[in-house]
Protein backbone atom coordinates (compact mmCIF):
# COMPACT_ATOMS: atom_id res chain seq x y z
CA MET A 1 59.44 67.67 -23.23
CA LYS A 2 61.94 70.35 -22.18
CA SER A 3 62.40 70.78 -18.43
CA VAL A 4 61.53 74.07 -16.76
CA PHE A 5 64.50 73.51 -14.45
CA SER A 6 68.04 74.59 -15.27
CA GLU A 7 70.72 71.91 -15.51
CA GLN A 8 72.02 72.91 -12.07
CA ALA A 9 68.55 72.60 -10.53
CA ARG A 10 67.92 69.24 -12.28
CA GLN A 11 71.08 67.92 -10.65
CA ARG A 12 69.73 68.85 -7.21
CA ILE A 13 66.35 67.17 -7.64
CA PRO A 14 67.38 63.55 -6.88
CA GLY A 15 69.12 64.67 -3.67
CA ILE A 16 66.07 66.62 -2.54
CA ILE A 17 63.74 63.67 -3.18
CA ALA A 18 66.15 61.26 -1.43
CA ARG A 19 65.88 63.23 1.82
CA TYR A 20 62.31 62.07 2.36
CA PRO A 21 60.88 58.60 3.09
CA GLU A 22 58.05 59.28 0.61
CA LYS A 23 58.53 61.17 -2.65
CA ARG A 24 55.46 63.36 -2.13
CA ALA A 25 57.11 64.84 0.98
CA ALA A 26 59.56 66.62 -1.35
CA LEU A 27 56.74 68.74 -2.80
CA LEU A 28 57.45 71.99 -0.93
CA PRO A 29 61.23 71.92 -1.51
CA LEU A 30 60.78 71.17 -5.21
CA LEU A 31 58.24 73.96 -5.55
CA TRP A 32 60.72 76.28 -3.85
CA LEU A 33 63.43 75.15 -6.27
CA ALA A 34 61.10 75.95 -9.18
CA HIS A 35 60.23 79.28 -7.59
CA ASP A 36 63.90 80.18 -7.21
CA GLU A 37 64.50 79.50 -10.90
CA ARG A 38 62.12 82.21 -12.19
CA GLY A 39 60.75 84.04 -9.16
CA TYR A 40 57.41 82.26 -9.50
CA VAL A 41 55.96 78.77 -10.02
CA SER A 42 54.58 78.41 -13.54
CA GLU A 43 51.89 75.93 -14.56
CA GLU A 44 54.58 74.07 -16.50
CA ALA A 45 56.67 73.80 -13.34
CA MET A 46 53.66 72.51 -11.39
CA ARG A 47 53.08 69.82 -14.02
CA GLU A 48 56.75 68.82 -14.03
CA VAL A 49 56.90 68.62 -10.22
CA ALA A 50 53.71 66.54 -10.25
CA GLY A 51 55.34 64.11 -12.68
CA LEU A 52 58.52 63.88 -10.62
CA LEU A 53 56.58 63.02 -7.48
CA GLY A 54 53.79 60.87 -8.91
CA LEU A 55 51.14 63.45 -8.04
CA THR A 56 48.39 64.96 -10.14
CA PRO A 57 48.77 68.56 -11.32
CA PRO A 58 45.72 69.61 -9.24
CA GLN A 59 47.40 68.24 -6.09
CA VAL A 60 50.42 70.45 -6.79
CA PHE A 61 48.26 73.43 -7.76
CA GLU A 62 46.27 73.28 -4.51
CA THR A 63 49.54 73.36 -2.56
CA VAL A 64 50.89 76.33 -4.52
CA THR A 65 47.66 78.27 -4.07
CA PHE A 66 47.52 77.52 -0.34
CA TYR A 67 50.92 79.07 0.50
CA THR A 68 51.43 82.79 -0.08
CA MET A 69 55.20 82.27 -0.34
CA TYR A 70 54.75 80.85 -3.84
CA ASN A 71 54.06 83.38 -6.57
CA ARG A 72 52.11 82.08 -9.57
CA ARG A 73 53.12 84.83 -11.95
CA PRO A 74 56.18 87.05 -12.40
CA ILE A 75 56.60 89.74 -9.77
CA GLY A 76 58.74 92.84 -9.45
CA LYS A 77 62.37 92.86 -8.38
CA TYR A 78 61.24 94.03 -4.93
CA HIS A 79 58.31 92.12 -3.47
CA ILE A 80 56.67 94.31 -0.84
CA GLN A 81 54.58 92.22 1.55
CA VAL A 82 52.46 94.19 3.99
CA CYS A 83 51.23 92.45 7.11
CA ARG A 84 47.45 92.65 7.43
CA SER A 85 47.04 90.84 10.74
CA LEU A 86 44.99 92.37 13.52
CA MET A 87 48.02 93.59 15.49
CA CYS A 88 49.43 95.50 12.52
CA ALA A 89 45.97 96.75 11.55
CA LEU A 90 45.60 98.27 15.01
CA VAL A 91 48.82 100.26 14.58
CA GLY A 92 48.41 101.47 11.02
CA THR A 93 48.45 98.92 8.20
CA ALA A 94 45.83 100.94 6.32
CA ASP A 95 48.07 104.02 6.50
CA LEU A 96 51.09 101.98 5.41
CA LEU A 97 49.23 100.61 2.39
CA GLY A 98 48.06 104.11 1.54
CA TRP A 99 51.61 105.49 1.64
CA ILE A 100 52.92 102.72 -0.60
CA GLN A 101 50.02 103.01 -3.04
CA ALA A 102 50.46 106.78 -3.27
CA LYS A 103 54.21 106.52 -3.79
CA LEU A 104 54.16 103.71 -6.37
CA ASP A 105 50.71 104.17 -7.88
CA ILE A 106 49.83 100.49 -7.53
CA LYS A 107 47.36 98.48 -5.45
CA PRO A 108 47.84 95.11 -3.75
CA GLY A 109 48.38 92.44 -6.38
CA GLN A 110 49.89 94.88 -8.87
CA THR A 111 53.41 95.52 -10.15
CA THR A 112 54.85 98.87 -11.18
CA PRO A 113 55.23 99.39 -14.96
CA ASP A 114 59.05 99.25 -14.61
CA SER A 115 58.75 95.81 -12.89
CA LEU A 116 60.63 97.05 -9.84
CA PHE A 117 57.92 96.72 -7.17
CA THR A 118 55.06 94.30 -6.51
CA LEU A 119 52.70 94.99 -3.61
CA THR A 120 51.03 92.12 -1.73
CA GLN A 121 49.07 91.85 1.49
CA VAL A 122 49.93 88.80 3.59
CA GLU A 123 48.91 87.33 6.90
CA CYS A 124 51.03 87.70 10.00
CA LEU A 125 54.75 88.14 9.41
CA GLY A 126 55.53 87.41 13.06
CA SER A 127 56.59 90.91 14.04
CA CYS A 128 53.53 91.90 16.06
CA GLY A 129 55.32 94.25 18.43
CA THR A 130 56.91 96.35 15.69
CA GLY A 131 54.05 97.22 13.35
CA PRO A 132 53.19 98.62 11.06
CA MET A 133 55.74 96.62 9.17
CA MET A 134 56.49 95.12 5.80
CA GLN A 135 58.82 92.57 4.32
CA VAL A 136 60.65 93.40 1.10
CA ASN A 137 62.11 90.24 -0.39
CA ASP A 138 63.90 88.78 2.67
CA ASP A 139 64.27 92.00 4.68
CA TYR A 140 61.98 93.30 7.40
CA TYR A 141 61.18 97.00 7.82
CA GLU A 142 59.46 97.78 11.10
CA GLN A 143 57.82 100.67 12.98
CA LEU A 144 57.16 102.37 9.68
CA THR A 145 56.23 105.99 9.10
CA ARG A 146 55.50 107.77 5.83
CA ASP A 147 59.05 109.20 5.80
CA LYS A 148 60.61 105.77 6.39
CA VAL A 149 58.51 104.21 3.61
CA ASN A 150 59.51 106.95 1.17
CA ARG A 151 63.18 106.50 2.03
CA ILE A 152 62.99 102.70 1.77
CA LEU A 153 61.35 102.79 -1.65
CA ASP A 154 63.72 105.51 -2.92
CA ASP A 155 66.79 103.65 -1.63
CA LEU A 156 65.67 100.38 -3.20
CA LYS A 157 64.97 102.05 -6.52
CA HIS A 158 68.30 103.91 -6.66
CA ASP A 159 70.72 101.76 -4.63
CA GLY A 160 69.15 98.30 -4.54
CA LYS A 161 69.28 98.22 -0.74
CA CYS A 162 68.23 100.26 2.26
CA PRO A 163 70.01 100.57 5.62
CA LEU A 164 66.66 100.81 7.41
CA ALA A 165 66.18 97.05 7.09
CA THR A 166 65.87 95.54 10.54
CA GLY A 167 67.24 92.29 9.22
CA PRO A 168 66.22 89.31 7.18
CA PHE A 169 63.72 86.96 8.71
CA MET A 170 65.61 84.00 10.16
CA PHE A 171 64.94 81.20 12.57
CA PRO A 172 66.54 81.95 15.94
CA PRO A 173 70.00 80.35 16.07
CA THR A 174 69.01 78.48 19.21
CA LEU A 175 66.58 76.42 17.15
CA THR A 176 69.11 75.37 14.56
CA LEU A 177 72.15 74.23 16.53
CA PRO A 178 72.34 70.53 17.45
CA LEU A 179 72.26 69.71 21.14
CA GLU A 180 74.95 67.56 22.66
CA GLY A 181 73.61 64.04 22.61
CA GLY A 182 71.32 64.73 19.64
CA GLY A 183 68.26 66.80 18.98
CA MET A 184 67.93 70.45 18.13
CA GLY A 185 68.10 73.52 20.30
CA GLY A 186 71.78 74.05 21.12
CA GLY A 187 71.95 77.72 22.03
CA GLU A 188 73.50 79.17 25.16
CA PHE A 189 70.68 78.03 27.44
CA ALA A 190 71.08 74.39 26.43
CA LYS A 191 74.88 74.54 26.76
CA GLY A 192 74.51 75.77 30.34
CA GLN A 193 72.26 72.85 31.28
CA LYS A 194 74.98 70.20 31.67
């Protein structure tokens, strides 16, 4: 059986599995590796990951369907994810969806005929104070208006990027730097606590 993974990805698999005390704990990273290969996790990829980890395909499928970060079919070049949480709903998610649908002529779950844009509704994107907002691929766009949405979509279509991005979603650096003496947290606050 031919692998769904590229040679480069296949070389990474043993190292990913070795990071965990139990093979099944490597499920999410291997699914992400499969997702990165094609932009979605195919049924073939789910079966191959199941085999690598000694799981059943349904165990892998239930994980893929639980997390919205895994796409199960090809999506557009620009994945527009609109926050539908209560906080964003209170400040205009319905308007935001309407603007996008009118501009692109697609509904949530659909992709434009040119395969440039896919529209999805997701739960909280963690930007409650700056709604309505959306995430396009890894970039956040916040405090959106109809004019901003039109500019973002036009810029992405013509230039492949938009300067209105408020930044990619990242963990705060203070959570990723090692503390002196071990542990995580680092940051300026921890350095000043000697």
